[in-house]
Amino acid sequence: MKQAPFIFLLFTFSICTGLAQKNSSQKIQTGNPEEPSPSNLVLKMSLVDSGHIRILYALNATDILKPETYDDLQRLEIGERFSKYYSFFVFNSDSLASDWRKKNPQAGPYDGPGRMGPAGKFQGWSEYIYSEYFKDFSKKELTEYTRMPAGLSDYNSTCSEPLPVQNWKIENENQAIAGYLCQNATCKFRGRDYTAWFTTDIPISNGPWKFGGLPGLILKVYDKDRQYVFECVGIENYKQKHPIQMHEAFKQFKKTDRQKLLKMKKEVQENFYQLLLIPNSKGEVRAYQYEKKLNSYNPLELE
């Protein structure tokens, strides 16, 4: 198997985000709900599997050579029984915050650094950045763990479903992606039309997010309007197996089903500030002096 060039340049600068007071003379800004604090999820992990390969994908890259222009850098880890898909930007941020808390054990729950580590152009919360997806090959099941925005950890949720099936039509075009010759395929999946590029040089039927089902690894996939584009930017092969781990905190996430979770994520995206006024499980109410006009919910799954 060829080794694809690994173009991701890890840089660990700190980005401190604060809440600005609203000025009546300012225009109302638009944006997304506030991202969860990295200190809210201490990295206590349990081993679920191990594997020899990790694949890195840029989400919505403006320039594939510049990680700072990605919405996110995401990683697919493939083992014998499970695969795991998650944000590498968020993982790095959480790891740095976790290290800080270990060095400052007396810190309060809201103390410590804000967002840390390499961050892309996307600002705020997105389910596609703050969710993790586990495919269980033996059960033929996919489980999603969604981490909600700041102040809404009571809404953290998980749902399981049968491994999604995309009815791909394999086409005859070819192109090179990340150093591998790929062939294209098309399908309609949950309300969107997709084109995928897969390589039989890596005969693994998997890919980013919920995609899979082709006779090779999917290295690039996008919807017809290119609102969501996943593209491989690096493949890491290991002689010794690497661990595939899961956050212990996921055990506390509320169980729901896919349709209810979609409705909840829409509510969180479009009514974030109103939800903060509802007391949480500790009786706390969070309110902001500054609010943004929130972007509409634009899910990958339209049905």
C-alpha atoms as a PDB file:
ATOM      1  CA  MET A   1       0.000   0.000   0.000  1.00  0.00           C
ATOM      2  CA  LYS A   2       1.307   3.426  -0.940  1.00  0.00           C
ATOM      3  CA  GLN A   3       1.754   5.998   1.743  1.00  0.00           C
ATOM      4  CA  ALA A   4      -0.173   9.162   0.931  1.00  0.00           C
ATOM      5  CA  PRO A   5       1.571  12.461   1.642  1.00  0.00           C
ATOM      6  CA  PHE A   6       0.570  13.816   5.007  1.00  0.00           C
ATOM      7  CA  ILE A   7       0.077  17.535   4.559  1.00  0.00           C
ATOM      8  CA  PHE A   8      -1.405  18.426   7.913  1.00  0.00           C
ATOM      9  CA  LEU A   9       0.847  20.874   9.753  1.00  0.00           C
ATOM     10  CA  LEU A  10       0.146  20.723  13.469  1.00  0.00           C
ATOM     11  CA  PHE A  11       0.291  24.085  15.118  1.00  0.00           C
ATOM     12  CA  THR A  12      -0.760  24.587  18.713  1.00  0.00           C
ATOM     13  CA  PHE A  13      -1.595  28.207  19.118  1.00  0.00           C
ATOM     14  CA  SER A  14      -4.165  29.275  21.688  1.00  0.00           C
ATOM     15  CA  ILE A  15      -7.286  31.144  20.706  1.00  0.00           C
ATOM     16  CA  CYS A  16      -8.947  32.912  23.599  1.00  0.00           C
ATOM     17  CA  THR A  17     -12.591  33.720  22.969  1.00  0.00           C
ATOM     18  CA  GLY A  18     -14.568  36.155  25.114  1.00  0.00           C
ATOM     19  CA  LEU A  19     -18.066  37.505  25.173  1.00  0.00           C
ATOM     20  CA  ALA A  20     -18.343  41.042  23.857  1.00  0.00           C
ATOM     21  CA  GLN A  21     -20.957  43.343  25.261  1.00  0.00           C
ATOM     22  CA  LYS A  22     -23.671  44.279  22.836  1.00  0.00           C
ATOM     23  CA  ASN A  23     -23.520  47.836  21.552  1.00  0.00           C
ATOM     24  CA  SER A  24     -26.815  49.280  20.402  1.00  0.00           C
ATOM     25  CA  SER A  25     -25.091  51.018  17.509  1.00  0.00           C
ATOM     26  CA  GLN A  26     -23.662  47.741  16.195  1.00  0.00           C
ATOM     27  CA  LYS A  27     -25.342  45.611  13.593  1.00  0.00           C
ATOM     28  CA  ILE A  28     -26.627  42.268  14.822  1.00  0.00           C
ATOM     29  CA  GLN A  29     -24.034  39.669  13.880  1.00  0.00           C
ATOM     30  CA  THR A  30     -24.879  36.214  12.603  1.00  0.00           C
ATOM     31  CA  GLY A  31     -23.208  33.043  13.732  1.00  0.00           C
ATOM     32  CA  ASN A  32     -23.533  29.710  15.489  1.00  0.00           C
ATOM     33  CA  PRO A  33     -24.105  28.615  19.088  1.00  0.00           C
ATOM     34  CA  GLU A  34     -21.083  28.869  21.368  1.00  0.00           C
ATOM     35  CA  GLU A  35     -18.780  25.866  21.246  1.00  0.00           C
ATOM     36  CA  PRO A  36     -18.565  23.780  24.426  1.00  0.00           C
ATOM     37  CA  SER A  37     -15.671  24.544  26.717  1.00  0.00           C
ATOM     38  CA  PRO A  38     -12.884  21.962  26.286  1.00  0.00           C
ATOM     39  CA  SER A  39     -12.547  21.773  30.082  1.00  0.00           C
ATOM     40  CA  ASN A  40     -16.065  20.328  30.329  1.00  0.00           C
ATOM     41  CA  LEU A  41     -14.902  17.009  28.923  1.00  0.00           C
ATOM     42  CA  VAL A  42     -11.891  15.639  30.764  1.00  0.00           C
ATOM     43  CA  LEU A  43     -10.213  12.980  28.708  1.00  0.00           C
ATOM     44  CA  LYS A  44     -11.061   9.782  30.577  1.00  0.00           C
ATOM     45  CA  MET A  45     -11.067   7.136  27.890  1.00  0.00           C
ATOM     46  CA  SER A  46     -11.778   3.425  27.573  1.00  0.00           C
ATOM     47  CA  LEU A  47     -10.328   1.090  24.947  1.00  0.00           C
ATOM     48  CA  VAL A  48     -12.831  -0.309  22.458  1.00  0.00           C
ATOM     49  CA  ASP A  49     -10.552  -1.629  19.691  1.00  0.00           C
ATOM     50  CA  SER A  50      -7.214  -1.137  17.936  1.00  0.00           C
ATOM     51  CA  GLY A  51      -6.111  -0.777  14.329  1.00  0.00           C
ATOM     52  CA  HIS A  52      -3.301  -0.114  11.880  1.00  0.00           C
ATOM     53  CA  ILE A  53      -4.687   2.790   9.837  1.00  0.00           C
ATOM     54  CA  ARG A  54      -5.911   6.348  10.411  1.00  0.00           C
ATOM     55  CA  ILE A  55      -7.257   8.617   7.693  1.00  0.00           C
ATOM     56  CA  LEU A  56      -7.461  12.417   7.961  1.00  0.00           C
ATOM     57  CA  TYR A  57     -10.151  14.382   6.140  1.00  0.00           C
ATOM     58  CA  ALA A  58     -10.562  18.111   5.607  1.00  0.00           C
ATOM     59  CA  LEU A  59     -14.140  19.286   6.019  1.00  0.00           C
ATOM     60  CA  ASN A  60     -15.066  22.138   3.667  1.00  0.00           C
ATOM     61  CA  ALA A  61     -11.529  23.244   2.891  1.00  0.00           C
ATOM     62  CA  THR A  62     -11.043  26.536   1.092  1.00  0.00           C
ATOM     63  CA  ASP A  63      -7.431  25.566   0.375  1.00  0.00           C
ATOM     64  CA  ILE A  64      -6.594  21.899   0.900  1.00  0.00           C
ATOM     65  CA  LEU A  65      -2.956  22.830   1.623  1.00  0.00           C
ATOM     66  CA  LYS A  66      -3.873  25.165   4.517  1.00  0.00           C
ATOM     67  CA  PRO A  67      -5.502  23.567   7.608  1.00  0.00           C
ATOM     68  CA  GLU A  68      -6.563  26.973   8.904  1.00  0.00           C
ATOM     69  CA  THR A  69      -8.981  27.192   5.939  1.00  0.00           C
ATOM     70  CA  TYR A  70     -10.800  23.961   6.880  1.00  0.00           C
ATOM     71  CA  ASP A  71     -14.057  23.997   8.806  1.00  0.00           C
ATOM     72  CA  ASP A  72     -12.534  21.023  10.603  1.00  0.00           C
ATOM     73  CA  LEU A  73      -9.850  18.359  10.389  1.00  0.00           C
ATOM     74  CA  GLN A  74     -11.412  14.966  11.038  1.00  0.00           C
ATOM     75  CA  ARG A  75      -9.997  11.506  11.618  1.00  0.00           C
ATOM     76  CA  LEU A  76     -11.233   8.018  10.769  1.00  0.00           C
ATOM     77  CA  GLU A  77      -9.700   5.185  12.808  1.00  0.00           C
ATOM     78  CA  ILE A  78     -10.426   1.656  11.589  1.00  0.00           C
ATOM     79  CA  GLY A  79     -10.085  -1.450  13.736  1.00  0.00           C
ATOM     80  CA  GLU A  80     -11.208  -5.045  13.466  1.00  0.00           C
ATOM     81  CA  ARG A  81     -14.550  -4.568  15.262  1.00  0.00           C
ATOM     82  CA  PHE A  82     -15.102  -0.803  15.272  1.00  0.00           C
ATOM     83  CA  SER A  83     -14.315   2.337  13.350  1.00  0.00           C
ATOM     84  CA  LYS A  84     -14.365   5.789  14.943  1.00  0.00           C
ATOM     85  CA  TYR A  85     -14.873   9.139  13.186  1.00  0.00           C
ATOM     86  CA  TYR A  86     -14.275  12.382  15.070  1.00  0.00           C
ATOM     87  CA  SER A  87     -12.817  15.902  14.972  1.00  0.00           C
ATOM     88  CA  PHE A  88      -9.055  15.964  15.359  1.00  0.00           C
ATOM     89  CA  PHE A  89      -9.178  19.726  15.973  1.00  0.00           C
ATOM     90  CA  VAL A  90     -11.537  19.182  18.935  1.00  0.00           C
ATOM     91  CA  PHE A  91      -9.530  16.213  20.222  1.00  0.00           C
ATOM     92  CA  ASN A  92      -6.379  18.321  20.236  1.00  0.00           C
ATOM     93  CA  SER A  93      -8.191  21.198  21.952  1.00  0.00           C
ATOM     94  CA  ASP A  94      -9.607  18.882  24.643  1.00  0.00           C
ATOM     95  CA  SER A  95      -6.220  17.258  25.188  1.00  0.00           C
ATOM     96  CA  LEU A  96      -4.501  20.594  25.783  1.00  0.00           C
ATOM     97  CA  ALA A  97      -7.278  21.715  28.143  1.00  0.00           C
ATOM     98  CA  SER A  98      -7.149  18.403  29.998  1.00  0.00           C
ATOM     99  CA  ASP A  99      -3.393  18.778  30.501  1.00  0.00           C
ATOM    100  CA  TRP A 100      -3.962  22.299  31.861  1.00  0.00           C
ATOM    101  CA  ARG A 101      -6.530  21.038  34.375  1.00  0.00           C
ATOM    102  CA  LYS A 102      -4.164  18.331  35.580  1.00  0.00           C
ATOM    103  CA  LYS A 103      -1.614  21.035  36.334  1.00  0.00           C
ATOM    104  CA  ASN A 104      -4.286  23.225  37.994  1.00  0.00           C
ATOM    105  CA  PRO A 105      -6.404  20.781  40.032  1.00  0.00           C
ATOM    106  CA  GLN A 106      -7.900  23.551  42.200  1.00  0.00           C
ATOM    107  CA  ALA A 107      -9.424  25.345  39.221  1.00  0.00           C
ATOM    108  CA  GLY A 108     -13.175  25.864  39.131  1.00  0.00           C
ATOM    109  CA  PRO A 109     -15.434  24.306  36.477  1.00  0.00           C
ATOM    110  CA  TYR A 110     -15.405  27.461  34.324  1.00  0.00           C
ATOM    111  CA  ASP A 111     -11.745  28.346  34.854  1.00  0.00           C
ATOM    112  CA  GLY A 112      -8.994  27.604  32.437  1.00  0.00           C
ATOM    113  CA  PRO A 113      -8.244  28.195  28.773  1.00  0.00           C
ATOM    114  CA  GLY A 114     -10.836  28.766  26.117  1.00  0.00           C
ATOM    115  CA  ARG A 115     -10.533  27.047  22.768  1.00  0.00           C
ATOM    116  CA  MET A 116      -7.008  25.765  22.325  1.00  0.00           C
ATOM    117  CA  GLY A 117      -5.012  24.130  19.610  1.00  0.00           C
ATOM    118  CA  PRO A 118      -5.340  24.361  15.845  1.00  0.00           C
ATOM    119  CA  ALA A 119      -8.708  25.699  14.738  1.00  0.00           C
ATOM    120  CA  GLY A 120     -10.243  26.106  11.317  1.00  0.00           C
ATOM    121  CA  LYS A 121     -12.304  28.891   9.818  1.00  0.00           C
ATOM    122  CA  PHE A 122     -15.582  27.619  11.294  1.00  0.00           C
ATOM    123  CA  GLN A 123     -16.510  29.429  14.482  1.00  0.00           C
ATOM    124  CA  GLY A 124     -18.908  28.098  17.100  1.00  0.00           C
ATOM    125  CA  TRP A 125     -20.791  24.843  17.459  1.00  0.00           C
ATOM    126  CA  SER A 126     -21.617  22.353  14.723  1.00  0.00           C
ATOM    127  CA  GLU A 127     -22.894  18.815  15.144  1.00  0.00           C
ATOM    128  CA  TYR A 128     -20.353  17.712  12.518  1.00  0.00           C
ATOM    129  CA  ILE A 129     -17.488  19.029  14.620  1.00  0.00           C
ATOM    130  CA  TYR A 130     -18.784  18.082  18.069  1.00  0.00           C
ATOM    131  CA  SER A 131     -20.112  14.591  17.309  1.00  0.00           C
ATOM    132  CA  GLU A 132     -18.331  11.237  17.214  1.00  0.00           C
ATOM    133  CA  TYR A 133     -19.467   8.256  15.165  1.00  0.00           C
ATOM    134  CA  PHE A 134     -18.723   4.614  15.958  1.00  0.00           C
ATOM    135  CA  LYS A 135     -19.468   1.840  13.482  1.00  0.00           C
ATOM    136  CA  ASP A 136     -19.835  -1.572  15.134  1.00  0.00           C
ATOM    137  CA  PHE A 137     -19.133  -4.127  12.403  1.00  0.00           C
ATOM    138  CA  SER A 138     -20.317  -7.152  14.394  1.00  0.00           C
ATOM    139  CA  LYS A 139     -23.680  -5.589  15.238  1.00  0.00           C
ATOM    140  CA  LYS A 140     -23.880  -3.733  11.900  1.00  0.00           C
ATOM    141  CA  GLU A 141     -24.758  -0.651  13.905  1.00  0.00           C
ATOM    142  CA  LEU A 142     -23.713   3.001  13.953  1.00  0.00           C
ATOM    143  CA  THR A 143     -23.787   4.998  17.191  1.00  0.00           C
ATOM    144  CA  GLU A 144     -23.541   8.779  17.255  1.00  0.00           C
ATOM    145  CA  TYR A 145     -22.543  10.796  20.332  1.00  0.00           C
ATOM    146  CA  THR A 146     -23.460  14.482  20.026  1.00  0.00           C
ATOM    147  CA  ARG A 147     -21.912  17.035  22.354  1.00  0.00           C
ATOM    148  CA  MET A 148     -24.072  20.134  22.589  1.00  0.00           C
ATOM    149  CA  PRO A 149     -23.006  23.806  22.812  1.00  0.00           C
ATOM    150  CA  ALA A 150     -21.774  25.607  25.919  1.00  0.00           C
ATOM    151  CA  GLY A 151     -24.303  25.652  28.721  1.00  0.00           C
ATOM    152  CA  LEU A 152     -26.394  22.861  27.205  1.00  0.00           C
ATOM    153  CA  SER A 153     -24.539  19.764  28.360  1.00  0.00           C
ATOM    154  CA  ASP A 154     -27.853  18.422  29.722  1.00  0.00           C
ATOM    155  CA  TYR A 155     -28.794  17.973  26.058  1.00  0.00           C
ATOM    156  CA  ASN A 156     -25.779  15.770  25.226  1.00  0.00           C
ATOM    157  CA  SER A 157     -27.294  12.812  23.397  1.00  0.00           C
ATOM    158  CA  THR A 158     -26.581   9.489  21.738  1.00  0.00           C
ATOM    159  CA  CYS A 159     -28.498   7.424  19.230  1.00  0.00           C
ATOM    160  CA  SER A 160     -27.904   4.138  17.451  1.00  0.00           C
ATOM    161  CA  GLU A 161     -29.164   2.932  14.098  1.00  0.00           C
ATOM    162  CA  PRO A 162     -28.438   0.089  11.664  1.00  0.00           C
ATOM    163  CA  LEU A 163     -25.339   0.814   9.588  1.00  0.00           C
ATOM    164  CA  PRO A 164     -26.590   3.293   6.964  1.00  0.00           C
ATOM    165  CA  VAL A 165     -26.765   1.925   3.438  1.00  0.00           C
ATOM    166  CA  GLN A 166     -25.978   4.078   0.420  1.00  0.00           C
ATOM    167  CA  ASN A 167     -27.106   2.587  -2.887  1.00  0.00           C
ATOM    168  CA  TRP A 168     -24.077   3.606  -4.898  1.00  0.00           C
ATOM    169  CA  LYS A 169     -23.898   3.578  -8.683  1.00  0.00           C
ATOM    170  CA  ILE A 170     -20.259   3.100  -9.692  1.00  0.00           C
ATOM    171  CA  GLU A 171     -19.249   5.402 -12.550  1.00  0.00           C
ATOM    172  CA  ASN A 172     -16.256   5.355 -14.929  1.00  0.00           C
ATOM    173  CA  GLU A 173     -14.358   8.543 -14.090  1.00  0.00           C
ATOM    174  CA  ASN A 174     -10.971   8.526 -12.353  1.00  0.00           C
ATOM    175  CA  GLN A 175      -8.817  11.029 -10.506  1.00  0.00           C
ATOM    176  CA  ALA A 176      -5.907  10.984  -8.069  1.00  0.00           C
ATOM    177  CA  ILE A 177      -6.640  11.968  -4.455  1.00  0.00           C
ATOM    178  CA  ALA A 178      -3.966  11.971  -1.743  1.00  0.00           C
ATOM    179  CA  GLY A 179      -1.688   9.968  -4.065  1.00  0.00           C
ATOM    180  CA  TYR A 180      -4.225   7.209  -4.811  1.00  0.00           C
ATOM    181  CA  LEU A 181      -6.080   6.517  -8.031  1.00  0.00           C
ATOM    182  CA  CYS A 182      -9.798   6.818  -7.304  1.00  0.00           C
ATOM    183  CA  GLN A 183     -12.997   5.955  -9.145  1.00  0.00           C
ATOM    184  CA  ASN A 184     -16.259   7.817  -8.674  1.00  0.00           C
ATOM    185  CA  ALA A 185     -19.686   6.645  -7.565  1.00  0.00           C
ATOM    186  CA  THR A 186     -22.988   8.443  -7.027  1.00  0.00           C
ATOM    187  CA  CYS A 187     -26.018   7.978  -4.801  1.00  0.00           C
ATOM    188  CA  LYS A 188     -28.960   9.694  -3.161  1.00  0.00           C
ATOM    189  CA  PHE A 189     -28.870   9.437   0.634  1.00  0.00           C
ATOM    190  CA  ARG A 190     -31.354  10.953   3.082  1.00  0.00           C
ATOM    191  CA  GLY A 191     -32.337  13.854   0.862  1.00  0.00           C
ATOM    192  CA  ARG A 192     -29.027  14.777  -0.785  1.00  0.00           C
ATOM    193  CA  ASP A 193     -27.260  13.649  -3.969  1.00  0.00           C
ATOM    194  CA  TYR A 194     -23.634  12.623  -3.411  1.00  0.00           C
ATOM    195  CA  THR A 195     -20.535  11.900  -5.437  1.00  0.00           C
ATOM    196  CA  ALA A 196     -17.824   9.799  -3.834  1.00  0.00           C
ATOM    197  CA  TRP A 197     -14.293   8.934  -4.937  1.00  0.00           C
ATOM    198  CA  PHE A 198     -12.936   5.615  -3.652  1.00  0.00           C
ATOM    199  CA  THR A 199      -9.743   3.646  -4.116  1.00  0.00           C
ATOM    200  CA  THR A 200      -9.526  -0.129  -4.444  1.00  0.00           C
ATOM    201  CA  ASP A 201      -5.826   0.192  -3.532  1.00  0.00           C
ATOM    202  CA  ILE A 202      -7.174   0.323   0.049  1.00  0.00           C
ATOM    203  CA  PRO A 203      -9.880  -2.388  -0.020  1.00  0.00           C
ATOM    204  CA  ILE A 204     -11.693  -1.152   3.085  1.00  0.00           C
ATOM    205  CA  SER A 205     -15.422  -0.460   2.758  1.00  0.00           C
ATOM    206  CA  ASN A 206     -15.545   2.684   4.871  1.00  0.00           C
ATOM    207  CA  GLY A 207     -15.288   6.452   4.656  1.00  0.00           C
ATOM    208  CA  PRO A 208     -15.915   9.752   6.440  1.00  0.00           C
ATOM    209  CA  TRP A 209     -19.015  10.442   8.528  1.00  0.00           C
ATOM    210  CA  LYS A 210     -21.696   7.795   7.823  1.00  0.00           C
ATOM    211  CA  PHE A 211     -20.412   6.914   4.358  1.00  0.00           C
ATOM    212  CA  GLY A 212     -19.249   3.462   3.276  1.00  0.00           C
ATOM    213  CA  GLY A 213     -20.390   0.477   1.237  1.00  0.00           C
ATOM    214  CA  LEU A 214     -18.019   0.772  -1.729  1.00  0.00           C
ATOM    215  CA  PRO A 215     -15.303  -1.761  -2.716  1.00  0.00           C
ATOM    216  CA  GLY A 216     -12.588   0.535  -1.398  1.00  0.00           C
ATOM    217  CA  LEU A 217     -11.926   3.383   1.006  1.00  0.00           C
ATOM    218  CA  ILE A 218     -13.748   6.640   0.222  1.00  0.00           C
ATOM    219  CA  LEU A 219     -11.185   9.437  -0.006  1.00  0.00           C
ATOM    220  CA  LYS A 220     -13.511  12.220  -1.098  1.00  0.00           C
ATOM    221  CA  VAL A 221     -17.271  12.743  -0.980  1.00  0.00           C
ATOM    222  CA  TYR A 222     -19.504  15.763  -1.456  1.00  0.00           C
ATOM    223  CA  ASP A 223     -23.137  16.654  -2.012  1.00  0.00           C
ATOM    224  CA  LYS A 224     -24.411  18.076  -5.309  1.00  0.00           C
ATOM    225  CA  ASP A 225     -24.283  21.666  -4.052  1.00  0.00           C
ATOM    226  CA  ARG A 226     -20.916  21.136  -2.330  1.00  0.00           C
ATOM    227  CA  GLN A 227     -22.247  22.437   0.959  1.00  0.00           C
ATOM    228  CA  TYR A 228     -20.393  19.569   2.616  1.00  0.00           C
ATOM    229  CA  VAL A 229     -17.099  18.317   1.202  1.00  0.00           C
ATOM    230  CA  PHE A 230     -14.939  15.686   2.910  1.00  0.00           C
ATOM    231  CA  GLU A 231     -11.487  15.174   1.354  1.00  0.00           C
ATOM    232  CA  CYS A 232      -8.596  13.003   2.473  1.00  0.00           C
ATOM    233  CA  VAL A 233      -5.444  14.957   3.322  1.00  0.00           C
ATOM    234  CA  GLY A 234      -3.372  12.196   4.875  1.00  0.00           C
ATOM    235  CA  ILE A 235      -3.195   8.477   5.613  1.00  0.00           C
ATOM    236  CA  GLU A 236      -1.236   7.115   8.552  1.00  0.00           C
ATOM    237  CA  ASN A 237      -0.212   3.458   8.532  1.00  0.00           C
ATOM    238  CA  TYR A 238       1.211   1.793  11.633  1.00  0.00           C
ATOM    239  CA  LYS A 239       3.166  -1.425  12.011  1.00  0.00           C
ATOM    240  CA  GLN A 240       2.001  -1.663  15.596  1.00  0.00           C
ATOM    241  CA  LYS A 241      -1.678  -1.240  16.380  1.00  0.00           C
ATOM    242  CA  HIS A 242      -2.914   2.096  17.729  1.00  0.00           C
ATOM    243  CA  PRO A 243      -5.715   2.210  20.327  1.00  0.00           C
ATOM    244  CA  ILE A 244      -9.265   3.199  19.406  1.00  0.00           C
ATOM    245  CA  GLN A 245     -10.831   4.836  22.454  1.00  0.00           C
ATOM    246  CA  MET A 246     -14.141   6.217  23.656  1.00  0.00           C
ATOM    247  CA  HIS A 247     -14.868   8.974  26.177  1.00  0.00           C
ATOM    248  CA  GLU A 248     -16.188   7.611  29.470  1.00  0.00           C
ATOM    249  CA  ALA A 249     -18.457  10.675  29.567  1.00  0.00           C
ATOM    250  CA  PHE A 250     -20.444   9.260  26.647  1.00  0.00           C
ATOM    251  CA  LYS A 251     -22.033   6.778  29.058  1.00  0.00           C
ATOM    252  CA  GLN A 252     -23.909   9.710  30.613  1.00  0.00           C
ATOM    253  CA  PHE A 253     -25.343  10.980  27.314  1.00  0.00           C
ATOM    254  CA  LYS A 254     -29.127  10.689  26.957  1.00  0.00           C
ATOM    255  CA  LYS A 255     -30.343   7.976  24.611  1.00  0.00           C
ATOM    256  CA  THR A 256     -32.699   8.966  21.833  1.00  0.00           C
ATOM    257  CA  ASP A 257     -33.438   8.050  18.212  1.00  0.00           C
ATOM    258  CA  ARG A 258     -32.163   9.636  15.013  1.00  0.00           C
ATOM    259  CA  GLN A 259     -35.270  11.651  14.158  1.00  0.00           C
ATOM    260  CA  LYS A 260     -35.593  13.060  17.677  1.00  0.00           C
ATOM    261  CA  LEU A 261     -31.908  13.923  17.699  1.00  0.00           C
ATOM    262  CA  LEU A 262     -32.251  15.778  14.391  1.00  0.00           C
ATOM    263  CA  LYS A 263     -35.116  17.820  15.853  1.00  0.00           C
ATOM    264  CA  MET A 264     -33.098  18.532  18.995  1.00  0.00           C
ATOM    265  CA  LYS A 265     -30.071  19.707  16.995  1.00  0.00           C
ATOM    266  CA  LYS A 266     -32.277  22.019  14.951  1.00  0.00           C
ATOM    267  CA  GLU A 267     -33.691  23.470  18.181  1.00  0.00           C
ATOM    268  CA  VAL A 268     -30.195  23.924  19.622  1.00  0.00           C
ATOM    269  CA  GLN A 269     -28.886  25.561  16.451  1.00  0.00           C
ATOM    270  CA  GLU A 270     -31.755  28.017  16.014  1.00  0.00           C
ATOM    271  CA  ASN A 271     -32.824  28.704  19.634  1.00  0.00           C
ATOM    272  CA  PHE A 272     -29.566  28.448  21.567  1.00  0.00           C
ATOM    273  CA  TYR A 273     -30.025  31.610  23.650  1.00  0.00           C
ATOM    274  CA  GLN A 274     -33.634  30.773  24.594  1.00  0.00           C
ATOM    275  CA  LEU A 275     -32.591  27.297  25.741  1.00  0.00           C
ATOM    276  CA  LEU A 276     -29.966  28.830  28.023  1.00  0.00           C
ATOM    277  CA  LEU A 277     -32.778  30.483  29.991  1.00  0.00           C
ATOM    278  CA  ILE A 278     -34.204  27.067  30.947  1.00  0.00           C
ATOM    279  CA  PRO A 279     -32.677  25.906  34.281  1.00  0.00           C
ATOM    280  CA  ASN A 280     -30.356  22.957  33.851  1.00  0.00           C
ATOM    281  CA  SER A 281     -30.149  19.868  36.083  1.00  0.00           C
ATOM    282  CA  LYS A 282     -28.270  21.939  38.694  1.00  0.00           C
ATOM    283  CA  GLY A 283     -30.883  24.688  38.638  1.00  0.00           C
ATOM    284  CA  GLU A 284     -28.484  27.037  36.845  1.00  0.00           C
ATOM    285  CA  VAL A 285     -29.599  29.531  34.210  1.00  0.00           C
ATOM    286  CA  ARG A 286     -27.056  30.926  31.770  1.00  0.00           C
ATOM    287  CA  ALA A 287     -27.736  34.225  30.026  1.00  0.00           C
ATOM    288  CA  TYR A 288     -25.602  36.424  27.824  1.00  0.00           C
ATOM    289  CA  GLN A 289     -25.321  40.175  27.487  1.00  0.00           C
ATOM    290  CA  TYR A 290     -24.461  39.608  23.865  1.00  0.00           C
ATOM    291  CA  GLU A 291     -26.449  37.564  21.395  1.00  0.00           C
ATOM    292  CA  LYS A 292     -25.999  36.789  17.723  1.00  0.00           C
ATOM    293  CA  LYS A 293     -28.587  36.094  15.084  1.00  0.00           C
ATOM    294  CA  LEU A 294     -28.146  32.357  14.725  1.00  0.00           C
ATOM    295  CA  ASN A 295     -27.671  30.596  11.415  1.00  0.00           C
ATOM    296  CA  SER A 296     -30.427  28.310  10.196  1.00  0.00           C
ATOM    297  CA  TYR A 297     -29.991  24.569  10.689  1.00  0.00           C
ATOM    298  CA  ASN A 298     -28.547  23.024   7.527  1.00  0.00           C
ATOM    299  CA  PRO A 299     -28.176  19.299   8.222  1.00  0.00           C
ATOM    300  CA  LEU A 300     -26.552  16.723   6.019  1.00  0.00           C
ATOM    301  CA  GLU A 301     -29.602  14.556   6.560  1.00  0.00           C
ATOM    302  CA  LEU A 302     -32.670  16.279   5.102  1.00  0.00           C
ATOM    303  CA  GLU A 303     -34.943  13.311   5.783  1.00  0.00           C
END
